[in-house]
PDB file of N, CA and C in Angstrom:
ATOM      1  N   UNK A   1      35.541  16.009   4.662  1.00  0.00           N
ATOM      2  CA  UNK A   1      35.619  15.653   6.061  1.00  0.00           C
ATOM      3  C   UNK A   1      35.065  14.260   6.334  1.00  0.00           C
ATOM      4  N   UNK A   2      34.048  13.800   5.596  1.00  0.00           N
ATOM      5  CA  UNK A   2      33.627  12.415   5.827  1.00  0.00           C
ATOM      6  C   UNK A   2      34.735  11.409   5.501  1.00  0.00           C
ATOM      7  N   UNK A   3      35.562  11.721   4.505  1.00  0.00           N
ATOM      8  CA  UNK A   3      36.657  10.820   4.172  1.00  0.00           C
ATOM      9  C   UNK A   3      37.666  10.795   5.307  1.00  0.00           C
ATOM     10  N   UNK A   4      37.859  11.929   5.967  1.00  0.00           N
ATOM     11  CA  UNK A   4      38.761  11.985   7.112  1.00  0.00           C
ATOM     12  C   UNK A   4      38.329  10.979   8.172  1.00  0.00           C
ATOM     13  N   UNK A   5      37.036  10.847   8.378  1.00  0.00           N
ATOM     14  CA  UNK A   5      36.525   9.900   9.375  1.00  0.00           C
ATOM     15  C   UNK A   5      36.816   8.455   8.985  1.00  0.00           C
ATOM     16  N   UNK A   6      36.973   8.202   7.689  1.00  0.00           N
ATOM     17  CA  UNK A   6      37.237   6.845   7.233  1.00  0.00           C
ATOM     18  C   UNK A   6      38.707   6.467   7.334  1.00  0.00           C
ATOM     19  N   UNK A   7      39.596   7.450   7.280  1.00  0.00           N
ATOM     20  CA  UNK A   7      41.015   7.109   7.215  1.00  0.00           C
ATOM     21  C   UNK A   7      41.815   7.512   8.449  1.00  0.00           C
ATOM     22  N   UNK A   8      41.203   8.244   9.375  1.00  0.00           N
ATOM     23  CA  UNK A   8      41.912   8.706  10.568  1.00  0.00           C
ATOM     24  C   UNK A   8      41.244   8.109  11.807  1.00  0.00           C
ATOM     25  N   UNK A   9      42.066   7.678  12.747  1.00  0.00           N
ATOM     26  CA  UNK A   9      41.508   7.128  13.986  1.00  0.00           C
ATOM     27  C   UNK A   9      40.732   8.196  14.743  1.00  0.00           C
ATOM     28  N   UNK A  10      39.769   7.759  15.518  1.00  0.00           N
ATOM     29  CA  UNK A  10      38.856   8.654  16.230  1.00  0.00           C
ATOM     30  C   UNK A  10      39.594   9.684  17.086  1.00  0.00           C
ATOM     31  N   UNK A  11      40.662   9.270  17.756  1.00  0.00           N
ATOM     32  CA  UNK A  11      41.360  10.193  18.659  1.00  0.00           C
ATOM     33  C   UNK A  11      42.146  11.273  17.926  1.00  0.00           C
ATOM     34  N   UNK A  12      42.311  11.144  16.610  1.00  0.00           N
ATOM     35  CA  UNK A  12      43.060  12.142  15.830  1.00  0.00           C
ATOM     36  C   UNK A  12      42.175  12.976  14.904  1.00  0.00           C
ATOM     37  N   UNK A  13      40.879  12.760  14.931  1.00  0.00           N
ATOM     38  CA  UNK A  13      39.983  13.457  13.995  1.00  0.00           C
ATOM     39  C   UNK A  13      39.923  14.961  14.243  1.00  0.00           C
ATOM     40  N   UNK A  14      39.876  15.385  15.477  1.00  0.00           N
ATOM     41  CA  UNK A  14      39.803  16.823  15.766  1.00  0.00           C
ATOM     42  C   UNK A  14      41.044  17.530  15.246  1.00  0.00           C
ATOM     43  N   UNK A  15      42.199  16.908  15.391  1.00  0.00           N
ATOM     44  CA  UNK A  15      43.430  17.487  14.849  1.00  0.00           C
ATOM     45  C   UNK A  15      43.351  17.551  13.332  1.00  0.00           C
ATOM     46  N   UNK A  16      42.817  16.508  12.710  1.00  0.00           N
ATOM     47  CA  UNK A  16      42.655  16.492  11.258  1.00  0.00           C
ATOM     48  C   UNK A  16      41.732  17.592  10.776  1.00  0.00           C
ATOM     49  N   UNK A  17      40.614  17.790  11.467  1.00  0.00           N
ATOM     50  CA  UNK A  17      39.691  18.869  11.101  1.00  0.00           C
ATOM     51  C   UNK A  17      40.368  20.234  11.231  1.00  0.00           C
ATOM     52  N   UNK A  18      41.099  20.425  12.320  1.00  0.00           N
ATOM     53  CA  UNK A  18      41.799  21.690  12.517  1.00  0.00           C
ATOM     54  C   UNK A  18      42.837  21.938  11.435  1.00  0.00           C
ATOM     55  N   UNK A  19      43.594  20.909  11.088  1.00  0.00           N
ATOM     56  CA  UNK A  19      44.604  21.046  10.042  1.00  0.00           C
ATOM     57  C   UNK A  19      43.962  21.342   8.692  1.00  0.00           C
ATOM     58  N   UNK A  20      42.864  20.650   8.375  1.00  0.00           N
ATOM     59  CA  UNK A  20      42.167  20.911   7.113  1.00  0.00           C
ATOM     60  C   UNK A  20      41.660  22.351   7.058  1.00  0.00           C
ATOM     61  N   UNK A  21      41.100  22.846   8.147  1.00  0.00           N
ATOM     62  CA  UNK A  21      40.619  24.226   8.180  1.00  0.00           C
ATOM     63  C   UNK A  21      41.763  25.219   8.037  1.00  0.00           C
ATOM     64  N   UNK A  22      42.887  24.945   8.695  1.00  0.00           N
ATOM     65  CA  UNK A  22      44.059  25.813   8.587  1.00  0.00           C
ATOM     66  C   UNK A  22      44.530  25.910   7.136  1.00  0.00           C
ATOM     67  N   UNK A  23      44.669  24.774   6.485  1.00  0.00           N
ATOM     68  CA  UNK A  23      45.152  24.756   5.101  1.00  0.00           C
ATOM     69  C   UNK A  23      44.164  25.461   4.172  1.00  0.00           C
ATOM     70  N   UNK A  24      42.872  25.236   4.359  1.00  0.00           N
ATOM     71  CA  UNK A  24      41.901  25.856   3.460  1.00  0.00           C
ATOM     72  C   UNK A  24      41.857  27.375   3.632  1.00  0.00           C
ATOM     73  N   UNK A  25      41.955  27.861   4.860  1.00  0.00           N
ATOM     74  CA  UNK A  25      41.949  29.309   5.084  1.00  0.00           C
ATOM     75  C   UNK A  25      43.215  29.945   4.516  1.00  0.00           C
ATOM     76  N   UNK A  26      44.367  29.313   4.751  1.00  0.00           N
ATOM     77  CA  UNK A  26      45.611  29.848   4.204  1.00  0.00           C
ATOM     78  C   UNK A  26      45.609  29.838   2.675  1.00  0.00           C
ATOM     79  N   UNK A  27      45.098  28.779   2.075  1.00  0.00           N
ATOM     80  CA  UNK A  27      45.038  28.706   0.614  1.00  0.00           C
ATOM     81  C   UNK A  27      44.092  29.770   0.064  1.00  0.00           C
ATOM     82  N   UNK A  28      42.940  29.928   0.679  1.00  0.00           N
ATOM     83  CA  UNK A  28      41.986  30.935   0.209  1.00  0.00           C
ATOM     84  C   UNK A  28      42.537  32.342   0.323  1.00  0.00           C
ATOM     85  N   UNK A  29      43.193  32.639   1.427  1.00  0.00           N
ATOM     86  CA  UNK A  29      43.772  33.969   1.606  1.00  0.00           C
ATOM     87  C   UNK A  29      44.909  34.210   0.617  1.00  0.00           C
ATOM     88  N   UNK A  30      45.743  33.199   0.406  1.00  0.00           N
ATOM     89  CA  UNK A  30      46.862  33.345  -0.527  1.00  0.00           C
ATOM     90  C   UNK A  30      46.385  33.571  -1.951  1.00  0.00           C
ATOM     91  N   UNK A  31      45.405  32.804  -2.381  1.00  0.00           N
ATOM     92  CA  UNK A  31      44.889  32.947  -3.743  1.00  0.00           C
ATOM     93  C   UNK A  31      44.251  34.318  -3.929  1.00  0.00           C
ATOM     94  N   UNK A  32      43.560  34.806  -2.921  1.00  0.00           N
ATOM     95  CA  UNK A  32      42.946  36.127  -3.008  1.00  0.00           C
ATOM     96  C   UNK A  32      44.005  37.211  -3.199  1.00  0.00           C
ATOM     97  N   UNK A  33      45.081  37.138  -2.430  1.00  0.00           N
ATOM     98  CA  UNK A  33      46.152  38.130  -2.540  1.00  0.00           C
ATOM     99  C   UNK A  33      46.840  38.023  -3.906  1.00  0.00           C
ATOM    100  N   UNK A  34      47.144  36.817  -4.331  1.00  0.00           N
ATOM    101  CA  UNK A  34      47.829  36.617  -5.611  1.00  0.00           C
ATOM    102  C   UNK A  34      46.964  37.092  -6.774  1.00  0.00           C
ATOM    103  N   UNK A  35      45.683  36.718  -6.760  1.00  0.00           N
ATOM    104  CA  UNK A  35      44.800  37.123  -7.859  1.00  0.00           C
ATOM    105  C   UNK A  35      44.567  38.630  -7.842  1.00  0.00           C
ATOM    106  N   UNK A  36      44.538  39.233  -6.659  1.00  0.00           N
ATOM    107  CA  UNK A  36      44.422  40.690  -6.594  1.00  0.00           C
ATOM    108  C   UNK A  36      45.618  41.366  -7.224  1.00  0.00           C
ATOM    109  N   UNK A  37      46.821  40.832  -6.962  1.00  0.00           N
ATOM    110  CA  UNK A  37      48.027  41.379  -7.566  1.00  0.00           C
ATOM    111  C   UNK A  37      48.031  41.217  -9.080  1.00  0.00           C
ATOM    112  N   UNK A  38      47.562  40.070  -9.554  1.00  0.00           N
ATOM    113  CA  UNK A  38      47.487  39.836 -11.001  1.00  0.00           C
ATOM    114  C   UNK A  38      46.492  40.799 -11.638  1.00  0.00           C
ATOM    115  N   UNK A  39      45.368  40.968 -10.994  1.00  0.00           N
ATOM    116  CA  UNK A  39      44.325  41.880 -11.506  1.00  0.00           C
ATOM    117  C   UNK A  39      44.831  43.334 -11.529  1.00  0.00           C
ATOM    118  N   UNK A  40      45.564  43.742 -10.500  1.00  0.00           N
ATOM    119  CA  UNK A  40      46.112  45.099 -10.443  1.00  0.00           C
ATOM    120  C   UNK A  40      47.094  45.371 -11.577  1.00  0.00           C
ATOM    121  N   UNK A  41      47.772  44.336 -12.048  1.00  0.00           N
ATOM    122  CA  UNK A  41      48.713  44.494 -13.156  1.00  0.00           C
ATOM    123  C   UNK A  41      48.017  44.466 -14.515  1.00  0.00           C
ATOM    124  N   UNK A  42      46.698  44.278 -14.515  1.00  0.00           N
ATOM    125  CA  UNK A  42      45.927  44.296 -15.756  1.00  0.00           C
ATOM    126  C   UNK A  42      45.954  42.987 -16.522  1.00  0.00           C
ATOM    127  N   UNK A  43      46.368  41.916 -15.868  1.00  0.00           N
ATOM    128  CA  UNK A  43      46.431  40.602 -16.516  1.00  0.00           C
ATOM    129  C   UNK A  43      45.073  39.912 -16.354  1.00  0.00           C
ATOM    130  N   UNK A  44      44.636  39.222 -17.402  1.00  0.00           N
ATOM    131  CA  UNK A  44      43.359  38.503 -17.369  1.00  0.00           C
ATOM    132  C   UNK A  44      43.406  37.374 -16.344  1.00  0.00           C
ATOM    133  N   UNK A  45      42.306  37.189 -15.647  1.00  0.00           N
ATOM    134  CA  UNK A  45      42.231  36.141 -14.635  1.00  0.00           C
ATOM    135  C   UNK A  45      41.768  34.793 -15.209  1.00  0.00           C
ATOM    136  N   UNK A  46      41.416  34.761 -16.489  1.00  0.00           N
ATOM    137  CA  UNK A  46      40.957  33.514 -17.117  1.00  0.00           C
ATOM    138  C   UNK A  46      41.940  32.368 -16.963  1.00  0.00           C
ATOM    139  N   UNK A  47      43.222  32.568 -17.299  1.00  0.00           N
ATOM    140  CA  UNK A  47      44.185  31.466 -17.134  1.00  0.00           C
ATOM    141  C   UNK A  47      44.361  31.030 -15.673  1.00  0.00           C
ATOM    142  N   UNK A  48      44.239  31.970 -14.763  1.00  0.00           N
ATOM    143  CA  UNK A  48      44.360  31.622 -13.341  1.00  0.00           C
ATOM    144  C   UNK A  48      43.204  30.716 -12.928  1.00  0.00           C
ATOM    145  N   UNK A  49      41.986  31.073 -13.342  1.00  0.00           N
ATOM    146  CA  UNK A  49      40.829  30.234 -13.011  1.00  0.00           C
ATOM    147  C   UNK A  49      40.946  28.865 -13.673  1.00  0.00           C
ATOM    148  N   UNK A  50      41.482  28.821 -14.890  1.00  0.00           N
ATOM    149  CA  UNK A  50      41.673  27.542 -15.573  1.00  0.00           C
ATOM    150  C   UNK A  50      42.658  26.669 -14.803  1.00  0.00           C
ATOM    151  N   UNK A  51      43.767  27.266 -14.365  1.00  0.00           N
ATOM    152  CA  UNK A  51      44.744  26.524 -13.576  1.00  0.00           C
ATOM    153  C   UNK A  51      44.131  26.017 -12.276  1.00  0.00           C
ATOM    154  N   UNK A  52      43.378  26.870 -11.590  1.00  0.00           N
ATOM    155  CA  UNK A  52      42.768  26.467 -10.316  1.00  0.00           C
ATOM    156  C   UNK A  52      41.718  25.372 -10.517  1.00  0.00           C
ATOM    157  N   UNK A  53      40.999  25.426 -11.653  1.00  0.00           N
ATOM    158  CA  UNK A  53      40.033  24.371 -11.949  1.00  0.00           C
ATOM    159  C   UNK A  53      40.745  23.041 -12.169  1.00  0.00           C
ATOM    160  N   UNK A  54      41.861  23.072 -12.889  1.00  0.00           N
ATOM    161  CA  UNK A  54      42.645  21.853 -13.096  1.00  0.00           C
ATOM    162  C   UNK A  54      43.204  21.315 -11.791  1.00  0.00           C
ATOM    163  N   UNK A  55      43.673  22.215 -10.943  1.00  0.00           N
ATOM    164  CA  UNK A  55      44.204  21.817  -9.640  1.00  0.00           C
ATOM    165  C   UNK A  55      43.105  21.181  -8.783  1.00  0.00           C
ATOM    166  N   UNK A  56      41.910  21.748  -8.837  1.00  0.00           N
ATOM    167  CA  UNK A  56      40.785  21.198  -8.085  1.00  0.00           C
ATOM    168  C   UNK A  56      40.393  19.817  -8.610  1.00  0.00           C
ATOM    169  N   UNK A  57      40.390  19.648  -9.926  1.00  0.00           N
ATOM    170  CA  UNK A  57      40.075  18.341 -10.514  1.00  0.00           C
ATOM    171  C   UNK A  57      41.116  17.303 -10.106  1.00  0.00           C
ATOM    172  N   UNK A  58      42.389  17.697 -10.102  1.00  0.00           N
ATOM    173  CA  UNK A  58      43.459  16.788  -9.681  1.00  0.00           C
ATOM    174  C   UNK A  58      43.287  16.402  -8.208  1.00  0.00           C
ATOM    175  N   UNK A  59      42.976  17.360  -7.360  1.00  0.00           N
ATOM    176  CA  UNK A  59      42.759  17.076  -5.940  1.00  0.00           C
ATOM    177  C   UNK A  59      41.562  16.142  -5.753  1.00  0.00           C
ATOM    178  N   UNK A  60      40.508  16.359  -6.535  1.00  0.00           N
ATOM    179  CA  UNK A  60      39.349  15.471  -6.467  1.00  0.00           C
ATOM    180  C   UNK A  60      39.700  14.050  -6.853  1.00  0.00           C
ATOM    181  N   UNK A  61      40.540  13.910  -7.869  1.00  0.00           N
ATOM    182  CA  UNK A  61      40.990  12.584  -8.285  1.00  0.00           C
ATOM    183  C   UNK A  61      41.802  11.915  -7.171  1.00  0.00           C
ATOM    184  N   UNK A  62      42.669  12.678  -6.529  1.00  0.00           N
ATOM    185  CA  UNK A  62      43.448  12.113  -5.425  1.00  0.00           C
ATOM    186  C   UNK A  62      42.544  11.639  -4.288  1.00  0.00           C
ATOM    187  N   UNK A  63      41.504  12.400  -4.002  1.00  0.00           N
ATOM    188  CA  UNK A  63      40.571  12.012  -2.933  1.00  0.00           C
ATOM    189  C   UNK A  63      39.868  10.716  -3.296  1.00  0.00           C
ATOM    190  N   UNK A  64      39.515  10.565  -4.575  1.00  0.00           N
ATOM    191  CA  UNK A  64      38.846   9.334  -4.997  1.00  0.00           C
ATOM    192  C   UNK A  64      39.767   8.119  -4.923  1.00  0.00           C
ATOM    193  N   UNK A  65      41.065   8.332  -4.969  1.00  0.00           N
ATOM    194  CA  UNK A  65      42.017   7.223  -4.905  1.00  0.00           C
ATOM    195  C   UNK A  65      42.355   6.802  -3.479  1.00  0.00           C
ATOM    196  N   UNK A  66      41.914   7.576  -2.486  1.00  0.00           N
ATOM    197  CA  UNK A  66      42.186   7.235  -1.085  1.00  0.00           C
ATOM    198  C   UNK A  66      41.335   6.034  -0.705  1.00  0.00           C
ATOM    199  N   UNK A  67      41.971   5.054  -0.140  1.00  0.00           N
ATOM    200  CA  UNK A  67      41.256   3.867   0.333  1.00  0.00           C
ATOM    201  C   UNK A  67      41.560   3.675   1.810  1.00  0.00           C
ATOM    202  N   UNK A  68      40.518   3.509   2.621  1.00  0.00           N
ATOM    203  CA  UNK A  68      40.776   3.278   4.048  1.00  0.00           C
ATOM    204  C   UNK A  68      41.421   1.914   4.271  1.00  0.00           C
ATOM    205  N   UNK A  69      42.154   1.799   5.374  1.00  0.00           N
ATOM    206  CA  UNK A  69      42.748   0.514   5.728  1.00  0.00           C
ATOM    207  C   UNK A  69      41.640  -0.469   6.055  1.00  0.00           C
ATOM    208  N   UNK A  70      41.867  -1.716   5.692  1.00  0.00           N
ATOM    209  CA  UNK A  70      40.901  -2.757   6.015  1.00  0.00           C
ATOM    210  C   UNK A  70      40.997  -3.066   7.501  1.00  0.00           C
ATOM    211  N   UNK A  71      39.869  -3.074   8.164  1.00  0.00           N
ATOM    212  CA  UNK A  71      39.815  -3.407   9.587  1.00  0.00           C
ATOM    213  C   UNK A  71      39.042  -4.710   9.728  1.00  0.00           C
ATOM    214  N   UNK A  72      39.367  -5.461  10.749  1.00  0.00           N
ATOM    215  CA  UNK A  72      38.596  -6.677  10.966  1.00  0.00           C
ATOM    216  C   UNK A  72      37.221  -6.266  11.480  1.00  0.00           C
ATOM    217  N   UNK A  73      36.223  -6.621  10.742  1.00  0.00           N
ATOM    218  CA  UNK A  73      34.853  -6.241  11.084  1.00  0.00           C
ATOM    219  C   UNK A  73      34.169  -7.449  11.733  1.00  0.00           C
ATOM    220  N   UNK A  74      34.240  -7.509  13.054  1.00  0.00           N
ATOM    221  CA  UNK A  74      33.586  -8.586  13.790  1.00  0.00           C
ATOM    222  C   UNK A  74      32.190  -8.139  14.149  1.00  0.00           C
ATOM    223  N   UNK A  75      31.246  -9.004  13.979  1.00  0.00           N
ATOM    224  CA  UNK A  75      29.871  -8.660  14.302  1.00  0.00           C
ATOM    225  C   UNK A  75      29.667  -8.651  15.812  1.00  0.00           C
ATOM    226  N   UNK A  76      28.584  -8.048  16.257  1.00  0.00           N
ATOM    227  CA  UNK A  76      28.313  -7.982  17.695  1.00  0.00           C
ATOM    228  C   UNK A  76      28.086  -9.359  18.283  1.00  0.00           C
ATOM    229  N   UNK A  77      27.569 -10.327  17.495  1.00  0.00           N
ATOM    230  CA  UNK A  77      27.388 -11.683  18.018  1.00  0.00           C
ATOM    231  C   UNK A  77      28.740 -12.356  18.237  1.00  0.00           C
ATOM    232  N   UNK A  78      29.731 -12.069  17.379  1.00  0.00           N
ATOM    233  CA  UNK A  78      31.071 -12.617  17.586  1.00  0.00           C
ATOM    234  C   UNK A  78      31.682 -12.057  18.858  1.00  0.00           C
ATOM    235  N   UNK A  79      31.484 -10.784  19.109  1.00  0.00           N
ATOM    236  CA  UNK A  79      32.021 -10.168  20.316  1.00  0.00           C
ATOM    237  C   UNK A  79      31.378 -10.739  21.578  1.00  0.00           C
ATOM    238  N   UNK A  80      30.061 -11.015  21.511  1.00  0.00           N
ATOM    239  CA  UNK A  80      29.363 -11.554  22.660  1.00  0.00           C
ATOM    240  C   UNK A  80      29.833 -12.989  22.958  1.00  0.00           C
ATOM    241  N   UNK A  81      30.127 -13.746  21.902  1.00  0.00           N
ATOM    242  CA  UNK A  81      30.577 -15.118  22.081  1.00  0.00           C
ATOM    243  C   UNK A  81      31.973 -15.195  22.679  1.00  0.00           C
ATOM    244  N   UNK A  82      32.799 -14.183  22.356  1.00  0.00           N
ATOM    245  CA  UNK A  82      34.198 -14.257  22.794  1.00  0.00           C
ATOM    246  C   UNK A  82      34.415 -13.771  24.215  1.00  0.00           C
ATOM    247  N   UNK A  83      33.433 -13.150  24.811  1.00  0.00           N
ATOM    248  CA  UNK A  83      33.824 -12.698  26.099  1.00  0.00           C
ATOM    249  C   UNK A  83      32.857 -12.287  27.068  1.00  0.00           C
TER     250      UNK A  83
END
């Protein structure tokens, strides 16, 4: 969520938080149902956890590659001089 603050404008942050929460709840519920079905069939959950760990590492890498847009950073003294 701190990264969201760096890449999303202030007026869209609440929508971003809501969307992130929606996706995380849906993903958690889906994985729980899928893993329950796999477990009921007597299949080991080890490969599933390995896949999810790889997916999490990939997502972490993508987050590290996000770069915020460069904004003109004017100091408060520049703002006072201009107006």
